[in-house]
């Protein structure tokens, strides 16, 4: 375990702790706010697209909590007084959360793909029941794949080559997990490419038929807006995950230097950055979530104003009562 403690200076440990604390705290707060906005509104919680977004937010919350706690304890506080099973359990939690986050993006991309490619059949194909079933299959699959090292697919049980990035992890398992992630990314890119192509057609159609106003044009505008939002999410995802995936692939075929292992440790915090940026994109791009957020802020301001006015009103009421009593006393 000591060989995997790559942060040698106090400055590096403080930097990692600061990044994890900042990104993790903001990620938990923002994604919790997204979940509240979705499930507090009957309109949004009924839509399958927002069910997938809520799954993404939940996965990001779990990933932030598990990743920050385990990563900081290991690299900053140098905690190694735990068994192999405990470490693999923590690693499985991190892998489950991040895999579920990526898979939720895939379901969201497929949802947009069906909505744009087959709009007349969308409500029949994408029902709430099917959405919940898809989410159940998603989480069970991600948890099963992430639990394989704990169940026996590790280099200690198999006496095979261990990974240079993760203790007890078999190189073959790491390569399989990277392939799984690459397949997910490939499916997402394909779905978004089709969404962008259809969105471009919709924009061209709306420009030629500006005089036509109706539900069809309104739905097209919503699909185009949500497609652009999801493309922004995908772009951030690729920018944040590419360094980590490249170093994982490189570690399978070549030996990593201590410098590259330190780079990998810092690049791992970019995954938290991705989880932190996603809710910001939803709040800025989704009109429904943005309007719900404004309503929450307006209610909060009214409550604050009411709490500030209540002591003044109470003191005014008390003074009026005292004046009345004094006047009654003088009259008697």
C-alpha atoms as a PDB file:
ATOM      1  CA  UNK A   1       0.000   0.000   0.000  1.00  0.00           C
ATOM      2  CA  UNK A   2       2.891   2.357   0.706  1.00  0.00           C
ATOM      3  CA  UNK A   3       3.954   2.175  -2.943  1.00  0.00           C
ATOM      4  CA  UNK A   4       0.691   3.834  -4.026  1.00  0.00           C
ATOM      5  CA  UNK A   5       1.145   6.899  -1.811  1.00  0.00           C
ATOM      6  CA  UNK A   6       2.488   9.151  -4.546  1.00  0.00           C
ATOM      7  CA  UNK A   7       2.021  12.542  -2.838  1.00  0.00           C
ATOM      8  CA  UNK A   8       5.391  13.188  -1.259  1.00  0.00           C
ATOM      9  CA  UNK A   9       5.234  16.862  -0.201  1.00  0.00           C
ATOM     10  CA  UNK A  10       2.929  18.715   2.136  1.00  0.00           C
ATOM     11  CA  UNK A  11       2.030  21.186  -0.612  1.00  0.00           C
ATOM     12  CA  UNK A  12       0.730  18.377  -2.830  1.00  0.00           C
ATOM     13  CA  UNK A  13      -1.364  16.936   0.001  1.00  0.00           C
ATOM     14  CA  UNK A  14      -2.856  20.333   0.867  1.00  0.00           C
ATOM     15  CA  UNK A  15      -3.631  20.969  -2.816  1.00  0.00           C
ATOM     16  CA  UNK A  16      -5.402  17.622  -3.195  1.00  0.00           C
ATOM     17  CA  UNK A  17      -7.333  18.112   0.052  1.00  0.00           C
ATOM     18  CA  UNK A  18      -8.398  21.628  -1.005  1.00  0.00           C
ATOM     19  CA  UNK A  19      -9.554  20.517  -4.461  1.00  0.00           C
ATOM     20  CA  UNK A  20     -11.442  17.513  -3.104  1.00  0.00           C
ATOM     21  CA  UNK A  21     -13.048  19.542  -0.324  1.00  0.00           C
ATOM     22  CA  UNK A  22     -14.113  22.368  -2.648  1.00  0.00           C
ATOM     23  CA  UNK A  23     -15.330  20.250  -5.554  1.00  0.00           C
ATOM     24  CA  UNK A  24     -16.935  17.636  -3.302  1.00  0.00           C
ATOM     25  CA  UNK A  25     -18.850  20.140  -1.170  1.00  0.00           C
ATOM     26  CA  UNK A  26     -20.153  22.083  -4.157  1.00  0.00           C
ATOM     27  CA  UNK A  27     -21.026  18.865  -5.977  1.00  0.00           C
ATOM     28  CA  UNK A  28     -23.108  17.526  -3.079  1.00  0.00           C
ATOM     29  CA  UNK A  29     -24.882  20.859  -2.598  1.00  0.00           C
ATOM     30  CA  UNK A  30     -25.643  21.435  -6.285  1.00  0.00           C
ATOM     31  CA  UNK A  31     -26.796  17.896  -7.052  1.00  0.00           C
ATOM     32  CA  UNK A  32     -28.934  17.823  -3.899  1.00  0.00           C
ATOM     33  CA  UNK A  33     -30.536  21.043  -5.098  1.00  0.00           C
ATOM     34  CA  UNK A  34     -31.200  19.459  -8.519  1.00  0.00           C
ATOM     35  CA  UNK A  35     -32.864  16.448  -6.878  1.00  0.00           C
ATOM     36  CA  UNK A  36     -35.024  18.742  -4.756  1.00  0.00           C
ATOM     37  CA  UNK A  37     -36.066  20.826  -7.761  1.00  0.00           C
ATOM     38  CA  UNK A  38     -36.987  17.731  -9.771  1.00  0.00           C
ATOM     39  CA  UNK A  39     -38.973  15.856  -7.120  1.00  0.00           C
ATOM     40  CA  UNK A  40     -40.628  18.925  -5.597  1.00  0.00           C
ATOM     41  CA  UNK A  41     -42.376  19.631  -8.887  1.00  0.00           C
ATOM     42  CA  UNK A  42     -45.089  17.167 -10.000  1.00  0.00           C
ATOM     43  CA  UNK A  43     -44.478  18.211 -13.600  1.00  0.00           C
ATOM     44  CA  UNK A  44     -40.771  17.380 -13.737  1.00  0.00           C
ATOM     45  CA  UNK A  45     -40.778  14.217 -11.633  1.00  0.00           C
ATOM     46  CA  UNK A  46     -43.255  12.576 -14.036  1.00  0.00           C
ATOM     47  CA  UNK A  47     -40.999  13.015 -17.068  1.00  0.00           C
ATOM     48  CA  UNK A  48     -38.582  10.149 -17.890  1.00  0.00           C
ATOM     49  CA  UNK A  49     -35.901  12.597 -19.008  1.00  0.00           C
ATOM     50  CA  UNK A  50     -35.784  14.170 -15.559  1.00  0.00           C
ATOM     51  CA  UNK A  51     -35.764  10.735 -13.926  1.00  0.00           C
ATOM     52  CA  UNK A  52     -32.538  10.046 -15.805  1.00  0.00           C
ATOM     53  CA  UNK A  53     -31.143  13.426 -14.767  1.00  0.00           C
ATOM     54  CA  UNK A  54     -32.044  12.681 -11.142  1.00  0.00           C
ATOM     55  CA  UNK A  55     -30.203   9.363 -11.440  1.00  0.00           C
ATOM     56  CA  UNK A  56     -27.182  11.282 -12.707  1.00  0.00           C
ATOM     57  CA  UNK A  57     -27.404  13.697  -9.765  1.00  0.00           C
ATOM     58  CA  UNK A  58     -27.711  10.848  -7.257  1.00  0.00           C
ATOM     59  CA  UNK A  59     -24.714   9.056  -8.771  1.00  0.00           C
ATOM     60  CA  UNK A  60     -22.649  12.246  -8.610  1.00  0.00           C
ATOM     61  CA  UNK A  61     -23.555  12.748  -4.934  1.00  0.00           C
ATOM     62  CA  UNK A  62     -22.528   9.201  -4.034  1.00  0.00           C
ATOM     63  CA  UNK A  63     -19.360   9.467  -6.099  1.00  0.00           C
ATOM     64  CA  UNK A  64     -18.380  12.719  -4.395  1.00  0.00           C
ATOM     65  CA  UNK A  65     -18.927  11.419  -0.863  1.00  0.00           C
ATOM     66  CA  UNK A  66     -17.216   8.053  -1.374  1.00  0.00           C
ATOM     67  CA  UNK A  67     -14.398   9.360  -3.572  1.00  0.00           C
ATOM     68  CA  UNK A  68     -13.487  12.334  -1.371  1.00  0.00           C
ATOM     69  CA  UNK A  69     -13.550  10.366   1.877  1.00  0.00           C
ATOM     70  CA  UNK A  70     -11.483   7.427   0.574  1.00  0.00           C
ATOM     71  CA  UNK A  71      -9.131   9.495  -1.607  1.00  0.00           C
ATOM     72  CA  UNK A  72      -8.284  12.060   1.090  1.00  0.00           C
ATOM     73  CA  UNK A  73      -7.893   9.409   3.805  1.00  0.00           C
ATOM     74  CA  UNK A  74      -5.476   7.434   1.656  1.00  0.00           C
ATOM     75  CA  UNK A  75      -3.380  10.154  -0.010  1.00  0.00           C
ATOM     76  CA  UNK A  76      -3.536  12.981   2.544  1.00  0.00           C
ATOM     77  CA  UNK A  77      -3.919  11.298   5.954  1.00  0.00           C
ATOM     78  CA  UNK A  78      -2.030   8.165   4.794  1.00  0.00           C
ATOM     79  CA  UNK A  79      -4.641   5.817   6.224  1.00  0.00           C
ATOM     80  CA  UNK A  80      -3.581   2.234   5.468  1.00  0.00           C
ATOM     81  CA  UNK A  81      -4.955   0.433   8.516  1.00  0.00           C
ATOM     82  CA  UNK A  82      -7.682  -1.321   6.569  1.00  0.00           C
ATOM     83  CA  UNK A  83      -7.984  -4.724   4.960  1.00  0.00           C
ATOM     84  CA  UNK A  84      -7.930  -5.599   1.303  1.00  0.00           C
ATOM     85  CA  UNK A  85     -11.678  -6.182   1.383  1.00  0.00           C
ATOM     86  CA  UNK A  86     -12.322  -2.722   2.849  1.00  0.00           C
ATOM     87  CA  UNK A  87     -10.256  -1.024   0.164  1.00  0.00           C
ATOM     88  CA  UNK A  88     -11.917  -2.986  -2.644  1.00  0.00           C
ATOM     89  CA  UNK A  89     -15.323  -2.165  -1.144  1.00  0.00           C
ATOM     90  CA  UNK A  90     -14.502   1.558  -1.232  1.00  0.00           C
ATOM     91  CA  UNK A  91     -13.152   1.239  -4.772  1.00  0.00           C
ATOM     92  CA  UNK A  92     -16.298  -0.619  -5.787  1.00  0.00           C
ATOM     93  CA  UNK A  93     -18.436   2.202  -4.428  1.00  0.00           C
ATOM     94  CA  UNK A  94     -16.471   4.774  -6.412  1.00  0.00           C
ATOM     95  CA  UNK A  95     -16.631   2.674  -9.599  1.00  0.00           C
ATOM     96  CA  UNK A  96     -20.361   2.031  -9.147  1.00  0.00           C
ATOM     97  CA  UNK A  97     -21.131   5.728  -8.710  1.00  0.00           C
ATOM     98  CA  UNK A  98     -19.036   6.977 -11.613  1.00  0.00           C
ATOM     99  CA  UNK A  99     -20.219   4.149 -13.890  1.00  0.00           C
ATOM    100  CA  UNK A 100     -23.836   4.926 -12.965  1.00  0.00           C
ATOM    101  CA  UNK A 101     -23.197   8.604 -13.696  1.00  0.00           C
ATOM    102  CA  UNK A 102     -21.884   7.791 -17.155  1.00  0.00           C
ATOM    103  CA  UNK A 103     -24.672   5.264 -17.787  1.00  0.00           C
ATOM    104  CA  UNK A 104     -27.280   7.841 -16.743  1.00  0.00           C
ATOM    105  CA  UNK A 105     -25.868  10.150 -19.390  1.00  0.00           C
ATOM    106  CA  UNK A 106     -26.274   7.318 -21.891  1.00  0.00           C
ATOM    107  CA  UNK A 107     -29.940   6.847 -20.936  1.00  0.00           C
ATOM    108  CA  UNK A 108     -30.469  10.597 -21.212  1.00  0.00           C
ATOM    109  CA  UNK A 109     -28.875  10.581 -24.653  1.00  0.00           C
ATOM    110  CA  UNK A 110     -31.081   7.665 -25.744  1.00  0.00           C
ATOM    111  CA  UNK A 111     -34.111   9.511 -24.384  1.00  0.00           C
ATOM    112  CA  UNK A 112     -33.281  12.535 -26.538  1.00  0.00           C
ATOM    113  CA  UNK A 113     -32.517  10.232 -29.487  1.00  0.00           C
ATOM    114  CA  UNK A 114     -35.997   8.685 -29.312  1.00  0.00           C
ATOM    115  CA  UNK A 115     -37.670  12.039 -28.680  1.00  0.00           C
ATOM    116  CA  UNK A 116     -36.157  13.584 -31.805  1.00  0.00           C
ATOM    117  CA  UNK A 117     -36.050  10.574 -34.148  1.00  0.00           C
ATOM    118  CA  UNK A 118     -39.559   9.276 -33.303  1.00  0.00           C
ATOM    119  CA  UNK A 119     -41.477  12.180 -31.731  1.00  0.00           C
ATOM    120  CA  UNK A 120     -44.946  10.789 -32.508  1.00  0.00           C
ATOM    121  CA  UNK A 121     -44.196   7.526 -30.650  1.00  0.00           C
ATOM    122  CA  UNK A 122     -42.113   9.013 -27.826  1.00  0.00           C
ATOM    123  CA  UNK A 123     -44.803   8.862 -25.113  1.00  0.00           C
ATOM    124  CA  UNK A 124     -45.607   5.265 -26.014  1.00  0.00           C
ATOM    125  CA  UNK A 125     -41.975   4.140 -26.104  1.00  0.00           C
ATOM    126  CA  UNK A 126     -40.590   6.115 -23.160  1.00  0.00           C
ATOM    127  CA  UNK A 127     -42.965   5.590 -20.246  1.00  0.00           C
ATOM    128  CA  UNK A 128     -42.224   6.117 -16.558  1.00  0.00           C
ATOM    129  CA  UNK A 129     -42.379   2.367 -15.935  1.00  0.00           C
ATOM    130  CA  UNK A 130     -39.805   1.647 -18.624  1.00  0.00           C
ATOM    131  CA  UNK A 131     -37.653   4.489 -17.332  1.00  0.00           C
ATOM    132  CA  UNK A 132     -37.631   3.018 -13.812  1.00  0.00           C
ATOM    133  CA  UNK A 133     -36.849  -0.451 -15.194  1.00  0.00           C
ATOM    134  CA  UNK A 134     -33.957   0.969 -17.224  1.00  0.00           C
ATOM    135  CA  UNK A 135     -32.603   2.751 -14.147  1.00  0.00           C
ATOM    136  CA  UNK A 136     -32.872  -0.450 -12.102  1.00  0.00           C
ATOM    137  CA  UNK A 137     -30.965  -2.443 -14.720  1.00  0.00           C
ATOM    138  CA  UNK A 138     -28.404   0.357 -14.928  1.00  0.00           C
ATOM    139  CA  UNK A 139     -27.598   0.450 -11.218  1.00  0.00           C
ATOM    140  CA  UNK A 140     -27.572  -3.343 -10.808  1.00  0.00           C
ATOM    141  CA  UNK A 141     -25.230  -3.737 -13.793  1.00  0.00           C
ATOM    142  CA  UNK A 142     -22.841  -1.021 -12.576  1.00  0.00           C
ATOM    143  CA  UNK A 143     -22.794  -2.422  -9.041  1.00  0.00           C
ATOM    144  CA  UNK A 144     -22.135  -5.950 -10.333  1.00  0.00           C
ATOM    145  CA  UNK A 145     -19.228  -4.886 -12.555  1.00  0.00           C
ATOM    146  CA  UNK A 146     -17.721  -2.750  -9.773  1.00  0.00           C
ATOM    147  CA  UNK A 147     -17.992  -5.620  -7.247  1.00  0.00           C
ATOM    148  CA  UNK A 148     -15.991  -8.119  -9.327  1.00  0.00           C
ATOM    149  CA  UNK A 149     -12.619  -7.298  -7.672  1.00  0.00           C
ATOM    150  CA  UNK A 150     -14.198  -7.747  -4.236  1.00  0.00           C
ATOM    151  CA  UNK A 151     -15.754 -11.043  -5.335  1.00  0.00           C
ATOM    152  CA  UNK A 152     -12.407 -12.488  -6.408  1.00  0.00           C
ATOM    153  CA  UNK A 153     -11.192 -10.824  -9.617  1.00  0.00           C
ATOM    154  CA  UNK A 154      -8.111  -9.255  -8.039  1.00  0.00           C
ATOM    155  CA  UNK A 155      -4.412  -9.832  -8.391  1.00  0.00           C
ATOM    156  CA  UNK A 156      -4.063 -11.334  -4.886  1.00  0.00           C
ATOM    157  CA  UNK A 157      -6.552 -14.118  -5.506  1.00  0.00           C
ATOM    158  CA  UNK A 158      -5.427 -14.818  -9.065  1.00  0.00           C
ATOM    159  CA  UNK A 159      -1.673 -14.250  -8.546  1.00  0.00           C
ATOM    160  CA  UNK A 160      -1.690 -12.093 -11.660  1.00  0.00           C
ATOM    161  CA  UNK A 161      -0.226  -8.717 -12.627  1.00  0.00           C
ATOM    162  CA  UNK A 162      -1.428  -5.893 -10.392  1.00  0.00           C
ATOM    163  CA  UNK A 163      -2.285  -2.433 -11.640  1.00  0.00           C
ATOM    164  CA  UNK A 164       0.184   0.390 -11.004  1.00  0.00           C
ATOM    165  CA  UNK A 165      -2.632   2.822 -10.257  1.00  0.00           C
ATOM    166  CA  UNK A 166      -4.891   0.881  -7.861  1.00  0.00           C
ATOM    167  CA  UNK A 167      -3.874  -1.561  -5.110  1.00  0.00           C
ATOM    168  CA  UNK A 168      -5.076  -5.182  -5.467  1.00  0.00           C
ATOM    169  CA  UNK A 169      -6.680  -4.466  -8.877  1.00  0.00           C
ATOM    170  CA  UNK A 170      -5.892  -6.901 -11.660  1.00  0.00           C
ATOM    171  CA  UNK A 171      -4.633  -5.410 -14.929  1.00  0.00           C
ATOM    172  CA  UNK A 172      -7.117  -7.481 -16.918  1.00  0.00           C
ATOM    173  CA  UNK A 173     -10.005  -6.137 -14.854  1.00  0.00           C
ATOM    174  CA  UNK A 174      -8.790  -2.566 -15.335  1.00  0.00           C
ATOM    175  CA  UNK A 175      -8.579  -3.062 -19.092  1.00  0.00           C
ATOM    176  CA  UNK A 176     -12.084  -4.587 -19.104  1.00  0.00           C
ATOM    177  CA  UNK A 177     -13.491  -1.664 -17.106  1.00  0.00           C
ATOM    178  CA  UNK A 178     -11.824   0.831 -19.466  1.00  0.00           C
ATOM    179  CA  UNK A 179     -13.367  -1.016 -22.441  1.00  0.00           C
ATOM    180  CA  UNK A 180     -16.764  -0.846 -20.732  1.00  0.00           C
ATOM    181  CA  UNK A 181     -16.381   2.906 -20.276  1.00  0.00           C
ATOM    182  CA  UNK A 182     -15.237   3.368 -23.872  1.00  0.00           C
ATOM    183  CA  UNK A 183     -18.287   1.463 -25.142  1.00  0.00           C
ATOM    184  CA  UNK A 184     -20.550   3.731 -23.078  1.00  0.00           C
ATOM    185  CA  UNK A 185     -18.816   6.817 -24.432  1.00  0.00           C
ATOM    186  CA  UNK A 186     -19.090   5.512 -27.992  1.00  0.00           C
ATOM    187  CA  UNK A 187     -22.835   4.933 -27.627  1.00  0.00           C
ATOM    188  CA  UNK A 188     -23.291   8.402 -26.122  1.00  0.00           C
ATOM    189  CA  UNK A 189     -21.342  10.054 -28.923  1.00  0.00           C
ATOM    190  CA  UNK A 190     -23.350   8.187 -31.564  1.00  0.00           C
ATOM    191  CA  UNK A 191     -26.659   9.158 -29.948  1.00  0.00           C
ATOM    192  CA  UNK A 192     -25.634  12.801 -29.602  1.00  0.00           C
ATOM    193  CA  UNK A 193     -24.366  12.927 -33.176  1.00  0.00           C
ATOM    194  CA  UNK A 194     -27.812  11.878 -34.359  1.00  0.00           C
ATOM    195  CA  UNK A 195     -29.469  14.316 -31.950  1.00  0.00           C
ATOM    196  CA  UNK A 196     -27.346  17.187 -33.266  1.00  0.00           C
ATOM    197  CA  UNK A 197     -28.102  16.277 -36.849  1.00  0.00           C
ATOM    198  CA  UNK A 198     -31.847  16.213 -36.200  1.00  0.00           C
ATOM    199  CA  UNK A 199     -31.603  19.374 -34.095  1.00  0.00           C
ATOM    200  CA  UNK A 200     -29.913  21.129 -37.024  1.00  0.00           C
ATOM    201  CA  UNK A 201     -32.787  20.005 -39.263  1.00  0.00           C
ATOM    202  CA  UNK A 202     -35.303  21.336 -36.737  1.00  0.00           C
ATOM    203  CA  UNK A 203     -33.570  24.713 -36.587  1.00  0.00           C
ATOM    204  CA  UNK A 204     -33.588  24.949 -40.375  1.00  0.00           C
ATOM    205  CA  UNK A 205     -37.264  23.993 -40.447  1.00  0.00           C
ATOM    206  CA  UNK A 206     -38.208  26.621 -37.863  1.00  0.00           C
ATOM    207  CA  UNK A 207     -36.314  29.318 -39.723  1.00  0.00           C
ATOM    208  CA  UNK A 208     -38.314  28.571 -42.861  1.00  0.00           C
ATOM    209  CA  UNK A 209     -41.656  28.417 -41.060  1.00  0.00           C
ATOM    210  CA  UNK A 210     -41.508  31.336 -38.655  1.00  0.00           C
ATOM    211  CA  UNK A 211     -45.193  32.080 -39.229  1.00  0.00           C
ATOM    212  CA  UNK A 212     -46.292  28.682 -37.936  1.00  0.00           C
ATOM    213  CA  UNK A 213     -46.840  28.654 -34.219  1.00  0.00           C
ATOM    214  CA  UNK A 214     -48.051  25.568 -32.441  1.00  0.00           C
ATOM    215  CA  UNK A 215     -47.231  22.646 -30.216  1.00  0.00           C
ATOM    216  CA  UNK A 216     -45.001  21.048 -32.811  1.00  0.00           C
ATOM    217  CA  UNK A 217     -42.696  24.059 -33.066  1.00  0.00           C
ATOM    218  CA  UNK A 218     -42.699  24.442 -29.282  1.00  0.00           C
ATOM    219  CA  UNK A 219     -41.680  20.830 -28.848  1.00  0.00           C
ATOM    220  CA  UNK A 220     -38.950  21.246 -31.461  1.00  0.00           C
ATOM    221  CA  UNK A 221     -37.545  24.220 -29.597  1.00  0.00           C
ATOM    222  CA  UNK A 222     -37.532  22.233 -26.354  1.00  0.00           C
ATOM    223  CA  UNK A 223     -35.777  19.292 -28.025  1.00  0.00           C
ATOM    224  CA  UNK A 224     -33.170  21.567 -29.581  1.00  0.00           C
ATOM    225  CA  UNK A 225     -32.532  23.351 -26.265  1.00  0.00           C
ATOM    226  CA  UNK A 226     -32.208  20.092 -24.321  1.00  0.00           C
ATOM    227  CA  UNK A 227     -29.997  18.596 -27.038  1.00  0.00           C
ATOM    228  CA  UNK A 228     -27.620  21.559 -26.781  1.00  0.00           C
ATOM    229  CA  UNK A 229     -27.602  21.193 -23.005  1.00  0.00           C
ATOM    230  CA  UNK A 230     -26.703  17.518 -23.188  1.00  0.00           C
ATOM    231  CA  UNK A 231     -23.966  18.210 -25.724  1.00  0.00           C
ATOM    232  CA  UNK A 232     -22.466  20.679 -23.258  1.00  0.00           C
ATOM    233  CA  UNK A 233     -22.613  17.982 -20.579  1.00  0.00           C
ATOM    234  CA  UNK A 234     -20.908  15.503 -22.913  1.00  0.00           C
ATOM    235  CA  UNK A 235     -18.182  18.010 -23.794  1.00  0.00           C
ATOM    236  CA  UNK A 236     -17.433  18.639 -20.128  1.00  0.00           C
ATOM    237  CA  UNK A 237     -17.483  14.878 -19.526  1.00  0.00           C
ATOM    238  CA  UNK A 238     -14.900  14.204 -22.223  1.00  0.00           C
ATOM    239  CA  UNK A 239     -12.614  17.023 -21.080  1.00  0.00           C
ATOM    240  CA  UNK A 240     -12.721  15.848 -17.472  1.00  0.00           C
ATOM    241  CA  UNK A 241     -12.458  12.090 -18.068  1.00  0.00           C
ATOM    242  CA  UNK A 242     -10.041  11.943 -21.006  1.00  0.00           C
ATOM    243  CA  UNK A 243      -6.836  12.477 -18.947  1.00  0.00           C
ATOM    244  CA  UNK A 244      -7.808   9.745 -16.477  1.00  0.00           C
ATOM    245  CA  UNK A 245      -8.774   7.247 -19.185  1.00  0.00           C
ATOM    246  CA  UNK A 246      -5.625   7.942 -21.207  1.00  0.00           C
ATOM    247  CA  UNK A 247      -3.411   7.307 -18.181  1.00  0.00           C
ATOM    248  CA  UNK A 248      -5.346   4.129 -17.347  1.00  0.00           C
ATOM    249  CA  UNK A 249      -4.844   2.816 -20.874  1.00  0.00           C
ATOM    250  CA  UNK A 250      -1.172   3.806 -20.822  1.00  0.00           C
ATOM    251  CA  UNK A 251      -0.631   1.991 -17.490  1.00  0.00           C
ATOM    252  CA  UNK A 252      -1.895  -1.251 -19.025  1.00  0.00           C
ATOM    253  CA  UNK A 253       0.749  -1.292 -21.750  1.00  0.00           C
ATOM    254  CA  UNK A 254       3.678   0.541 -20.125  1.00  0.00           C
ATOM    255  CA  UNK A 255       5.183   1.235 -16.737  1.00  0.00           C
ATOM    256  CA  UNK A 256       4.236   4.552 -15.148  1.00  0.00           C
ATOM    257  CA  UNK A 257       6.769   6.853 -13.592  1.00  0.00           C
ATOM    258  CA  UNK A 258       6.196   8.472 -10.203  1.00  0.00           C
ATOM    259  CA  UNK A 259       5.545  11.783 -11.957  1.00  0.00           C
ATOM    260  CA  UNK A 260       2.737  10.288 -14.089  1.00  0.00           C
ATOM    261  CA  UNK A 261       1.198   8.646 -11.035  1.00  0.00           C
ATOM    262  CA  UNK A 262       1.102  12.050  -9.331  1.00  0.00           C
ATOM    263  CA  UNK A 263      -0.483  13.507 -12.461  1.00  0.00           C
ATOM    264  CA  UNK A 264      -3.099  10.747 -12.319  1.00  0.00           C
ATOM    265  CA  UNK A 265      -3.884  11.610  -8.697  1.00  0.00           C
ATOM    266  CA  UNK A 266      -4.514  15.253  -9.587  1.00  0.00           C
ATOM    267  CA  UNK A 267      -6.420  14.361 -12.777  1.00  0.00           C
ATOM    268  CA  UNK A 268      -8.747  12.193 -10.695  1.00  0.00           C
ATOM    269  CA  UNK A 269     -10.109  15.372  -9.114  1.00  0.00           C
ATOM    270  CA  UNK A 270     -11.347  16.391 -12.579  1.00  0.00           C
ATOM    271  CA  UNK A 271     -14.026  13.698 -12.205  1.00  0.00           C
ATOM    272  CA  UNK A 272     -15.340  15.676  -9.237  1.00  0.00           C
ATOM    273  CA  UNK A 273     -15.212  18.822 -11.347  1.00  0.00           C
ATOM    274  CA  UNK A 274     -17.393  17.114 -13.948  1.00  0.00           C
ATOM    275  CA  UNK A 275     -19.920  16.148 -11.281  1.00  0.00           C
ATOM    276  CA  UNK A 276     -19.890  19.727  -9.984  1.00  0.00           C
ATOM    277  CA  UNK A 277     -20.426  21.357 -13.389  1.00  0.00           C
ATOM    278  CA  UNK A 278     -23.350  19.175 -14.503  1.00  0.00           C
ATOM    279  CA  UNK A 279     -25.979  20.757 -12.186  1.00  0.00           C
ATOM    280  CA  UNK A 280     -24.848  24.249 -13.202  1.00  0.00           C
ATOM    281  CA  UNK A 281     -25.501  23.364 -16.833  1.00  0.00           C
ATOM    282  CA  UNK A 282     -28.977  22.054 -15.982  1.00  0.00           C
ATOM    283  CA  UNK A 283     -29.874  25.176 -13.994  1.00  0.00           C
ATOM    284  CA  UNK A 284     -28.721  27.493 -16.762  1.00  0.00           C
ATOM    285  CA  UNK A 285     -30.122  25.563 -19.734  1.00  0.00           C
ATOM    286  CA  UNK A 286     -33.312  23.917 -18.452  1.00  0.00           C
ATOM    287  CA  UNK A 287     -36.155  26.421 -18.307  1.00  0.00           C
ATOM    288  CA  UNK A 288     -38.237  24.196 -16.025  1.00  0.00           C
ATOM    289  CA  UNK A 289     -35.479  23.722 -13.459  1.00  0.00           C
ATOM    290  CA  UNK A 290     -34.478  27.364 -13.719  1.00  0.00           C
ATOM    291  CA  UNK A 291     -38.045  28.530 -13.082  1.00  0.00           C
ATOM    292  CA  UNK A 292     -38.321  26.124 -10.146  1.00  0.00           C
ATOM    293  CA  UNK A 293     -35.064  27.499  -8.766  1.00  0.00           C
ATOM    294  CA  UNK A 294     -36.380  31.045  -9.027  1.00  0.00           C
ATOM    295  CA  UNK A 295     -39.548  30.030  -7.187  1.00  0.00           C
ATOM    296  CA  UNK A 296     -37.482  28.468  -4.389  1.00  0.00           C
ATOM    297  CA  UNK A 297     -35.394  31.642  -4.040  1.00  0.00           C
ATOM    298  CA  UNK A 298     -38.494  33.854  -4.065  1.00  0.00           C
ATOM    299  CA  UNK A 299     -40.134  31.727  -1.354  1.00  0.00           C
ATOM    300  CA  UNK A 300     -36.939  31.875   0.691  1.00  0.00           C
ATOM    301  CA  UNK A 301     -36.823  35.671   0.380  1.00  0.00           C
ATOM    302  CA  UNK A 302     -40.476  35.959   1.439  1.00  0.00           C
ATOM    303  CA  UNK A 303     -39.833  33.779   4.475  1.00  0.00           C
ATOM    304  CA  UNK A 304     -36.780  35.836   5.419  1.00  0.00           C
ATOM    305  CA  UNK A 305     -38.746  39.050   5.023  1.00  0.00           C
ATOM    306  CA  UNK A 306     -41.614  37.667   7.079  1.00  0.00           C
ATOM    307  CA  UNK A 307     -39.229  36.605   9.856  1.00  0.00           C
ATOM    308  CA  UNK A 308     -37.672  40.074   9.881  1.00  0.00           C
ATOM    309  CA  UNK A 309     -41.043  41.830   9.948  1.00  0.00           C
ATOM    310  CA  UNK A 310     -42.578  39.624  12.641  1.00  0.00           C
ATOM    311  CA  UNK A 311     -40.552  41.036  15.610  1.00  0.00           C
ATOM    312  CA  UNK A 312     -41.431  44.577  14.534  1.00  0.00           C
ATOM    313  CA  UNK A 313     -45.101  43.670  14.206  1.00  0.00           C
ATOM    314  CA  UNK A 314     -45.046  41.957  17.586  1.00  0.00           C
ATOM    315  CA  UNK A 315     -43.393  44.963  19.279  1.00  0.00           C
ATOM    316  CA  UNK A 316     -45.922  47.298  17.630  1.00  0.00           C
ATOM    317  CA  UNK A 317     -48.759  45.102  18.869  1.00  0.00           C
ATOM    318  CA  UNK A 318     -47.346  45.074  22.408  1.00  0.00           C
ATOM    319  CA  UNK A 319     -46.908  48.873  22.460  1.00  0.00           C
ATOM    320  CA  UNK A 320     -50.479  49.364  21.267  1.00  0.00           C
ATOM    321  CA  UNK A 321     -51.744  47.048  24.010  1.00  0.00           C
ATOM    322  CA  UNK A 322     -49.751  48.957  26.643  1.00  0.00           C
ATOM    323  CA  UNK A 323     -51.087  52.287  25.405  1.00  0.00           C
ATOM    324  CA  UNK A 324     -54.655  50.956  25.550  1.00  0.00           C
ATOM    325  CA  UNK A 325     -54.179  49.723  29.104  1.00  0.00           C
ATOM    326  CA  UNK A 326     -52.708  53.069  30.170  1.00  0.00           C
ATOM    327  CA  UNK A 327     -55.607  54.979  28.641  1.00  0.00           C
ATOM    328  CA  UNK A 328     -58.129  52.695  30.384  1.00  0.00           C
ATOM    329  CA  UNK A 329     -56.328  53.221  33.686  1.00  0.00           C
ATOM    330  CA  UNK A 330     -56.432  57.004  33.329  1.00  0.00           C
ATOM    331  CA  UNK A 331     -60.088  56.910  32.407  1.00  0.00           C
ATOM    332  CA  UNK A 332     -60.902  54.986  35.578  1.00  0.00           C
END
